[in-house]
All heavy atoms as atom14 arrays in JSON, in Angstrom:
{
  "sequence": "SGKTAVLVQRVIEKLTSDDPEKYCDADRLLIVSFT",
  "atom14_mask": [
    [1, 1, 1, 1, 1, 1, 0, 0, 0, 0, 0, 0, 0, 0],
    [1, 1, 1, 1, 0, 0, 0, 0, 0, 0, 0, 0, 0, 0],
    [1, 1, 1, 1, 1, 1, 1, 1, 1, 0, 0, 0, 0, 0],
    [1, 1, 1, 1, 1, 1, 1, 0, 0, 0, 0, 0, 0, 0],
    [1, 1, 1, 1, 1, 0, 0, 0, 0, 0, 0, 0, 0, 0],
    [1, 1, 1, 1, 1, 1, 1, 0, 0, 0, 0, 0, 0, 0],
    [1, 1, 1, 1, 1, 1, 1, 1, 0, 0, 0, 0, 0, 0],
    [1, 1, 1, 1, 1, 1, 1, 0, 0, 0, 0, 0, 0, 0],
    [1, 1, 1, 1, 1, 1, 1, 1, 1, 0, 0, 0, 0, 0],
    [1, 1, 1, 1, 1, 1, 1, 1, 1, 1, 1, 0, 0, 0],
    [1, 1, 1, 1, 1, 1, 1, 0, 0, 0, 0, 0, 0, 0],
    [1, 1, 1, 1, 1, 1, 1, 1, 0, 0, 0, 0, 0, 0],
    [1, 1, 1, 1, 1, 1, 1, 1, 1, 0, 0, 0, 0, 0],
    [1, 1, 1, 1, 1, 1, 1, 1, 1, 0, 0, 0, 0, 0],
    [1, 1, 1, 1, 1, 1, 1, 1, 0, 0, 0, 0, 0, 0],
    [1, 1, 1, 1, 1, 1, 1, 0, 0, 0, 0, 0, 0, 0],
    [1, 1, 1, 1, 1, 1, 0, 0, 0, 0, 0, 0, 0, 0],
    [1, 1, 1, 1, 1, 1, 1, 1, 0, 0, 0, 0, 0, 0],
    [1, 1, 1, 1, 1, 1, 1, 1, 0, 0, 0, 0, 0, 0],
    [1, 1, 1, 1, 1, 1, 1, 0, 0, 0, 0, 0, 0, 0],
    [1, 1, 1, 1, 1, 1, 1, 1, 1, 0, 0, 0, 0, 0],
    [1, 1, 1, 1, 1, 1, 1, 1, 1, 0, 0, 0, 0, 0],
    [1, 1, 1, 1, 1, 1, 1, 1, 1, 1, 1, 1, 0, 0],
    [1, 1, 1, 1, 1, 1, 0, 0, 0, 0, 0, 0, 0, 0],
    [1, 1, 1, 1, 1, 1, 1, 1, 0, 0, 0, 0, 0, 0],
    [1, 1, 1, 1, 1, 0, 0, 0, 0, 0, 0, 0, 0, 0],
    [1, 1, 1, 1, 1, 1, 1, 1, 0, 0, 0, 0, 0, 0],
    [1, 1, 1, 1, 1, 1, 1, 1, 1, 1, 1, 0, 0, 0],
    [1, 1, 1, 1, 1, 1, 1, 1, 0, 0, 0, 0, 0, 0],
    [1, 1, 1, 1, 1, 1, 1, 1, 0, 0, 0, 0, 0, 0],
    [1, 1, 1, 1, 1, 1, 1, 1, 0, 0, 0, 0, 0, 0],
    [1, 1, 1, 1, 1, 1, 1, 0, 0, 0, 0, 0, 0, 0],
    [1, 1, 1, 1, 1, 1, 0, 0, 0, 0, 0, 0, 0, 0],
    [1, 1, 1, 1, 1, 1, 1, 1, 1, 1, 1, 0, 0, 0],
    [1, 1, 1, 1, 1, 1, 1, 0, 0, 0, 0, 0, 0, 0]
  ],
  "atom14_positions": [
    [[0.81, -1.23, 0.0], [0.0, 0.0, 0.0], [0.84, 1.27, 0.0], [0.28, 2.37, -0.08], [-0.94, 0.0, 1.21], [-0.19, -0.03, 2.4], [0.0, 0.0, 0.0], [0.0, 0.0, 0.0], [0.0, 0.0, 0.0], [0.0, 0.0, 0.0], [0.0, 0.0, 0.0], [0.0, 0.0, 0.0], [0.0, 0.0, 0.0], [0.0, 0.0, 0.0]],
    [[2.17, 1.14, 0.11], [3.03, 2.31, 0.05], [3.5, 2.84, 1.39], [3.93, 3.99, 1.49], [0.0, 0.0, 0.0], [0.0, 0.0, 0.0], [0.0, 0.0, 0.0], [0.0, 0.0, 0.0], [0.0, 0.0, 0.0], [0.0, 0.0, 0.0], [0.0, 0.0, 0.0], [0.0, 0.0, 0.0], [0.0, 0.0, 0.0], [0.0, 0.0, 0.0]],
    [[3.45, 2.02, 2.44], [3.87, 2.48, 3.77], [5.31, 2.97, 3.78], [5.61, 4.03, 4.3], [3.72, 1.35, 4.8], [2.3, 0.93, 5.08], [2.25, -0.2, 6.08], [2.92, -1.47, 5.62], [2.32, -2.15, 4.49], [0.0, 0.0, 0.0], [0.0, 0.0, 0.0], [0.0, 0.0, 0.0], [0.0, 0.0, 0.0], [0.0, 0.0, 0.0]],
    [[6.21, 2.18, 3.2], [7.62, 2.56, 3.2], [7.82, 3.83, 2.4], [8.56, 4.74, 2.83], [8.5, 1.42, 2.64], [8.3, 0.26, 3.46], [9.96, 1.81, 2.64], [0.0, 0.0, 0.0], [0.0, 0.0, 0.0], [0.0, 0.0, 0.0], [0.0, 0.0, 0.0], [0.0, 0.0, 0.0], [0.0, 0.0, 0.0], [0.0, 0.0, 0.0]],
    [[7.17, 3.97, 1.27], [7.27, 5.19, 0.45], [6.77, 6.4, 1.23], [7.36, 7.48, 1.17], [6.49, 5.03, -0.85], [0.0, 0.0, 0.0], [0.0, 0.0, 0.0], [0.0, 0.0, 0.0], [0.0, 0.0, 0.0], [0.0, 0.0, 0.0], [0.0, 0.0, 0.0], [0.0, 0.0, 0.0], [0.0, 0.0, 0.0], [0.0, 0.0, 0.0]],
    [[5.69, 6.24, 1.98], [5.15, 7.32, 2.8], [6.15, 7.72, 3.88], [6.41, 8.91, 4.09], [3.79, 6.91, 3.43], [3.4, 7.84, 4.56], [2.71, 6.88, 2.36], [0.0, 0.0, 0.0], [0.0, 0.0, 0.0], [0.0, 0.0, 0.0], [0.0, 0.0, 0.0], [0.0, 0.0, 0.0], [0.0, 0.0, 0.0], [0.0, 0.0, 0.0]],
    [[6.74, 6.74, 4.55], [7.71, 7.04, 5.6], [8.94, 7.75, 5.02], [9.44, 8.71, 5.6], [8.12, 5.76, 6.33], [7.03, 5.16, 7.21], [7.47, 3.8, 7.74], [6.66, 6.08, 8.35], [0.0, 0.0, 0.0], [0.0, 0.0, 0.0], [0.0, 0.0, 0.0], [0.0, 0.0, 0.0], [0.0, 0.0, 0.0], [0.0, 0.0, 0.0]],
    [[9.41, 7.28, 3.87], [10.57, 7.91, 3.23], [10.24, 9.35, 2.85], [11.03, 10.27, 3.1], [11.03, 7.09, 2.0], [12.04, 7.86, 1.17], [11.62, 5.76, 2.45], [0.0, 0.0, 0.0], [0.0, 0.0, 0.0], [0.0, 0.0, 0.0], [0.0, 0.0, 0.0], [0.0, 0.0, 0.0], [0.0, 0.0, 0.0], [0.0, 0.0, 0.0]],
    [[9.07, 9.58, 2.26], [8.68, 10.94, 1.88], [8.55, 11.84, 3.09], [8.95, 13.0, 3.07], [7.36, 10.92, 1.08], [6.97, 12.27, 0.53], [7.95, 12.79, -0.5], [8.59, 12.03, -1.22], [8.08, 14.1, -0.58], [0.0, 0.0, 0.0], [0.0, 0.0, 0.0], [0.0, 0.0, 0.0], [0.0, 0.0, 0.0], [0.0, 0.0, 0.0]],
    [[8.0, 11.3, 4.16], [7.87, 12.07, 5.4], [9.24, 12.52, 5.91], [9.43, 13.67, 6.29], [7.15, 11.21, 6.44], [6.93, 11.87, 7.76], [6.08, 10.97, 8.66], [6.06, 11.44, 10.01], [5.29, 12.42, 10.47], [4.45, 13.03, 9.64], [5.34, 12.8, 11.72], [0.0, 0.0, 0.0], [0.0, 0.0, 0.0], [0.0, 0.0, 0.0]],
    [[10.2, 11.61, 5.91], [11.55, 11.94, 6.36], [12.19, 12.99, 5.43], [12.76, 13.98, 5.9], [12.44, 10.68, 6.43], [13.9, 11.03, 6.64], [11.94, 9.75, 7.53], [0.0, 0.0, 0.0], [0.0, 0.0, 0.0], [0.0, 0.0, 0.0], [0.0, 0.0, 0.0], [0.0, 0.0, 0.0], [0.0, 0.0, 0.0], [0.0, 0.0, 0.0]],
    [[12.08, 12.79, 4.13], [12.64, 13.75, 3.17], [12.08, 15.14, 3.42], [12.83, 16.12, 3.46], [12.36, 13.3, 1.72], [13.2, 12.07, 1.38], [12.63, 14.44, 0.73], [12.81, 11.39, 0.08], [0.0, 0.0, 0.0], [0.0, 0.0, 0.0], [0.0, 0.0, 0.0], [0.0, 0.0, 0.0], [0.0, 0.0, 0.0], [0.0, 0.0, 0.0]],
    [[10.77, 15.24, 3.59], [10.15, 16.55, 3.79], [10.57, 17.18, 5.11], [10.74, 18.39, 5.2], [8.64, 16.44, 3.65], [8.24, 16.15, 2.21], [6.74, 16.19, 1.95], [5.99, 16.75, 2.78], [6.34, 15.66, 0.91], [0.0, 0.0, 0.0], [0.0, 0.0, 0.0], [0.0, 0.0, 0.0], [0.0, 0.0, 0.0], [0.0, 0.0, 0.0]],
    [[10.75, 16.38, 6.14], [11.2, 16.92, 7.44], [12.64, 17.41, 7.36], [12.98, 18.44, 7.94], [11.07, 15.87, 8.54], [9.64, 15.63, 8.97], [9.61, 14.81, 10.22], [8.24, 14.85, 10.86], [7.83, 16.15, 11.31], [0.0, 0.0, 0.0], [0.0, 0.0, 0.0], [0.0, 0.0, 0.0], [0.0, 0.0, 0.0], [0.0, 0.0, 0.0]],
    [[13.49, 16.69, 6.66], [14.91, 17.06, 6.58], [15.18, 18.23, 5.65], [16.2, 18.9, 5.79], [15.74, 15.85, 6.13], [15.76, 14.65, 7.07], [16.54, 13.5, 6.45], [16.33, 15.03, 8.43], [0.0, 0.0, 0.0], [0.0, 0.0, 0.0], [0.0, 0.0, 0.0], [0.0, 0.0, 0.0], [0.0, 0.0, 0.0], [0.0, 0.0, 0.0]],
    [[14.28, 18.47, 4.7], [14.53, 19.51, 3.7], [13.62, 20.73, 3.82], [13.72, 21.65, 3.03], [14.4, 18.93, 2.27], [13.07, 18.43, 2.09], [15.41, 17.82, 2.03], [0.0, 0.0, 0.0], [0.0, 0.0, 0.0], [0.0, 0.0, 0.0], [0.0, 0.0, 0.0], [0.0, 0.0, 0.0], [0.0, 0.0, 0.0], [0.0, 0.0, 0.0]],
    [[12.76, 20.73, 4.82], [11.8, 21.83, 4.97], [12.49, 23.14, 5.34], [13.4, 23.17, 6.16], [10.77, 21.49, 6.05], [9.86, 22.56, 6.2], [0.0, 0.0, 0.0], [0.0, 0.0, 0.0], [0.0, 0.0, 0.0], [0.0, 0.0, 0.0], [0.0, 0.0, 0.0], [0.0, 0.0, 0.0], [0.0, 0.0, 0.0], [0.0, 0.0, 0.0]],
    [[12.03, 24.23, 4.72], [12.47, 25.58, 5.07], [11.65, 26.15, 6.22], [12.0, 27.18, 6.78], [12.35, 26.52, 3.87], [13.34, 26.16, 2.77], [14.43, 25.65, 3.09], [13.02, 26.4, 1.59], [0.0, 0.0, 0.0], [0.0, 0.0, 0.0], [0.0, 0.0, 0.0], [0.0, 0.0, 0.0], [0.0, 0.0, 0.0], [0.0, 0.0, 0.0]],
    [[10.56, 25.47, 6.56], [9.67, 25.9, 7.62], [10.19, 25.37, 8.96], [10.25, 24.16, 9.17], [8.26, 25.37, 7.36], [7.25, 25.81, 8.39], [7.64, 26.33, 9.46], [6.04, 25.61, 8.13], [0.0, 0.0, 0.0], [0.0, 0.0, 0.0], [0.0, 0.0, 0.0], [0.0, 0.0, 0.0], [0.0, 0.0, 0.0], [0.0, 0.0, 0.0]],
    [[10.58, 26.25, 9.88], [11.12, 25.79, 11.16], [10.13, 24.94, 11.96], [10.53, 24.14, 12.8], [11.45, 27.07, 11.92], [11.21, 28.2, 11.01], [10.56, 27.69, 9.76], [0.0, 0.0, 0.0], [0.0, 0.0, 0.0], [0.0, 0.0, 0.0], [0.0, 0.0, 0.0], [0.0, 0.0, 0.0], [0.0, 0.0, 0.0], [0.0, 0.0, 0.0]],
    [[8.83, 25.11, 11.71], [7.81, 24.31, 12.4], [7.82, 22.86, 11.91], [7.4, 21.96, 12.63], [6.43, 24.91, 12.18], [6.26, 26.29, 12.77], [6.17, 26.25, 14.29], [5.56, 25.31, 14.82], [6.73, 27.15, 14.93], [0.0, 0.0, 0.0], [0.0, 0.0, 0.0], [0.0, 0.0, 0.0], [0.0, 0.0, 0.0], [0.0, 0.0, 0.0]],
    [[8.26, 22.64, 10.67], [8.23, 21.3, 10.07], [9.6, 20.65, 10.02], [9.7, 19.44, 9.93], [7.66, 21.38, 8.65], [6.21, 21.8, 8.62], [5.7, 21.86, 7.2], [4.25, 22.33, 7.16], [3.75, 22.44, 5.8], [0.0, 0.0, 0.0], [0.0, 0.0, 0.0], [0.0, 0.0, 0.0], [0.0, 0.0, 0.0], [0.0, 0.0, 0.0]],
    [[10.67, 21.45, 10.06], [12.03, 20.93, 9.93], [12.41, 20.07, 11.14], [12.0, 20.35, 12.27], [13.04, 22.07, 9.79], [14.47, 21.58, 9.75], [14.99, 21.08, 8.58], [15.26, 21.59, 10.88], [16.29, 20.6, 8.52], [16.56, 21.12, 10.85], [17.07, 20.63, 9.67], [18.35, 20.15, 9.63], [0.0, 0.0, 0.0], [0.0, 0.0, 0.0]],
    [[13.22, 19.05, 10.89], [13.71, 18.2, 11.96], [15.11, 17.71, 11.59], [15.35, 17.32, 10.45], [12.79, 17.0, 12.14], [13.23, 15.95, 13.53], [0.0, 0.0, 0.0], [0.0, 0.0, 0.0], [0.0, 0.0, 0.0], [0.0, 0.0, 0.0], [0.0, 0.0, 0.0], [0.0, 0.0, 0.0], [0.0, 0.0, 0.0], [0.0, 0.0, 0.0]],
    [[16.04, 17.74, 12.55], [17.37, 17.18, 12.33], [17.27, 15.66, 12.26], [16.47, 15.04, 12.97], [18.31, 17.56, 13.48], [18.71, 19.02, 13.46], [18.94, 19.55, 12.35], [18.8, 19.62, 14.54], [0.0, 0.0, 0.0], [0.0, 0.0, 0.0], [0.0, 0.0, 0.0], [0.0, 0.0, 0.0], [0.0, 0.0, 0.0], [0.0, 0.0, 0.0]],
    [[18.13, 15.06, 11.46], [18.11, 13.61, 11.27], [18.35, 12.85, 12.58], [17.76, 11.79, 12.79], [19.16, 13.2, 10.23], [0.0, 0.0, 0.0], [0.0, 0.0, 0.0], [0.0, 0.0, 0.0], [0.0, 0.0, 0.0], [0.0, 0.0, 0.0], [0.0, 0.0, 0.0], [0.0, 0.0, 0.0], [0.0, 0.0, 0.0], [0.0, 0.0, 0.0]],
    [[19.16, 13.42, 13.45], [19.46, 12.71, 14.7], [18.31, 12.77, 15.71], [18.4, 12.22, 16.8], [20.76, 13.19, 15.32], [20.75, 14.67, 15.71], [19.76, 15.37, 15.4], [21.73, 15.11, 16.31], [0.0, 0.0, 0.0], [0.0, 0.0, 0.0], [0.0, 0.0, 0.0], [0.0, 0.0, 0.0], [0.0, 0.0, 0.0], [0.0, 0.0, 0.0]],
    [[17.22, 13.39, 15.34], [16.02, 13.45, 16.2], [14.94, 12.47, 15.73], [13.86, 12.43, 16.31], [15.44, 14.87, 16.2], [16.4, 15.96, 16.56], [16.53, 16.22, 18.02], [15.21, 16.48, 18.57], [14.91, 16.28, 19.85], [15.81, 15.85, 20.68], [13.7, 16.55, 20.3], [0.0, 0.0, 0.0], [0.0, 0.0, 0.0], [0.0, 0.0, 0.0]],
    [[15.22, 11.7, 14.69], [14.23, 10.79, 14.11], [14.53, 9.34, 14.46], [15.69, 8.92, 14.46], [14.19, 10.92, 12.59], [13.8, 12.29, 12.03], [13.98, 12.31, 10.52], [12.38, 12.64, 12.41], [0.0, 0.0, 0.0], [0.0, 0.0, 0.0], [0.0, 0.0, 0.0], [0.0, 0.0, 0.0], [0.0, 0.0, 0.0], [0.0, 0.0, 0.0]],
    [[13.49, 8.58, 14.75], [13.58, 7.13, 14.89], [12.54, 6.56, 13.93], [11.35, 6.82, 14.07], [13.27, 6.68, 16.32], [13.15, 5.16, 16.52], [14.46, 4.47, 16.22], [12.68, 4.86, 17.93], [0.0, 0.0, 0.0], [0.0, 0.0, 0.0], [0.0, 0.0, 0.0], [0.0, 0.0, 0.0], [0.0, 0.0, 0.0], [0.0, 0.0, 0.0]],
    [[13.0, 5.83, 12.95], [12.12, 5.26, 11.93], [12.28, 3.74, 11.99], [13.38, 3.23, 11.88], [12.45, 5.78, 10.53], [12.33, 7.3, 10.51], [11.54, 5.16, 9.49], [13.58, 7.98, 10.15], [0.0, 0.0, 0.0], [0.0, 0.0, 0.0], [0.0, 0.0, 0.0], [0.0, 0.0, 0.0], [0.0, 0.0, 0.0], [0.0, 0.0, 0.0]],
    [[11.17, 3.04, 12.17], [11.2, 1.58, 12.28], [10.18, 1.03, 11.29], [9.04, 1.49, 11.24], [10.84, 1.11, 13.71], [10.85, -0.4, 13.79], [11.8, 1.73, 14.72], [0.0, 0.0, 0.0], [0.0, 0.0, 0.0], [0.0, 0.0, 0.0], [0.0, 0.0, 0.0], [0.0, 0.0, 0.0], [0.0, 0.0, 0.0], [0.0, 0.0, 0.0]],
    [[10.6, 0.04, 10.52], [9.71, -0.64, 9.6], [9.99, -2.14, 9.7], [11.15, -2.55, 9.74], [9.96, -0.14, 8.17], [9.15, -0.82, 7.26], [0.0, 0.0, 0.0], [0.0, 0.0, 0.0], [0.0, 0.0, 0.0], [0.0, 0.0, 0.0], [0.0, 0.0, 0.0], [0.0, 0.0, 0.0], [0.0, 0.0, 0.0], [0.0, 0.0, 0.0]],
    [[8.95, -2.94, 9.8], [9.17, -4.38, 9.89], [7.95, -5.12, 9.35], [6.87, -4.57, 9.22], [9.46, -4.81, 11.34], [8.36, -4.48, 12.32], [7.31, -5.34, 12.55], [8.39, -3.27, 13.0], [6.31, -5.03, 13.45], [7.4, -2.95, 13.92], [6.36, -3.84, 14.13], [0.0, 0.0, 0.0], [0.0, 0.0, 0.0], [0.0, 0.0, 0.0]],
    [[8.18, -6.38, 9.01], [7.1, -7.24, 8.54], [6.54, -8.02, 9.72], [7.17, -8.15, 10.77], [7.61, -8.23, 7.49], [8.57, -9.1, 8.11], [8.24, -7.52, 6.3], [0.0, 0.0, 0.0], [0.0, 0.0, 0.0], [0.0, 0.0, 0.0], [0.0, 0.0, 0.0], [0.0, 0.0, 0.0], [0.0, 0.0, 0.0], [0.0, 0.0, 0.0]]
  ]
}
């Protein structure tokens, strides 16, 4: 259904956002995906 693609897009947008409300440093993220 695209879960991994959604998570990847979410991370990309957080790391590249010019909006300080949406921006996040990579070391502040925990992303877990499993079957």
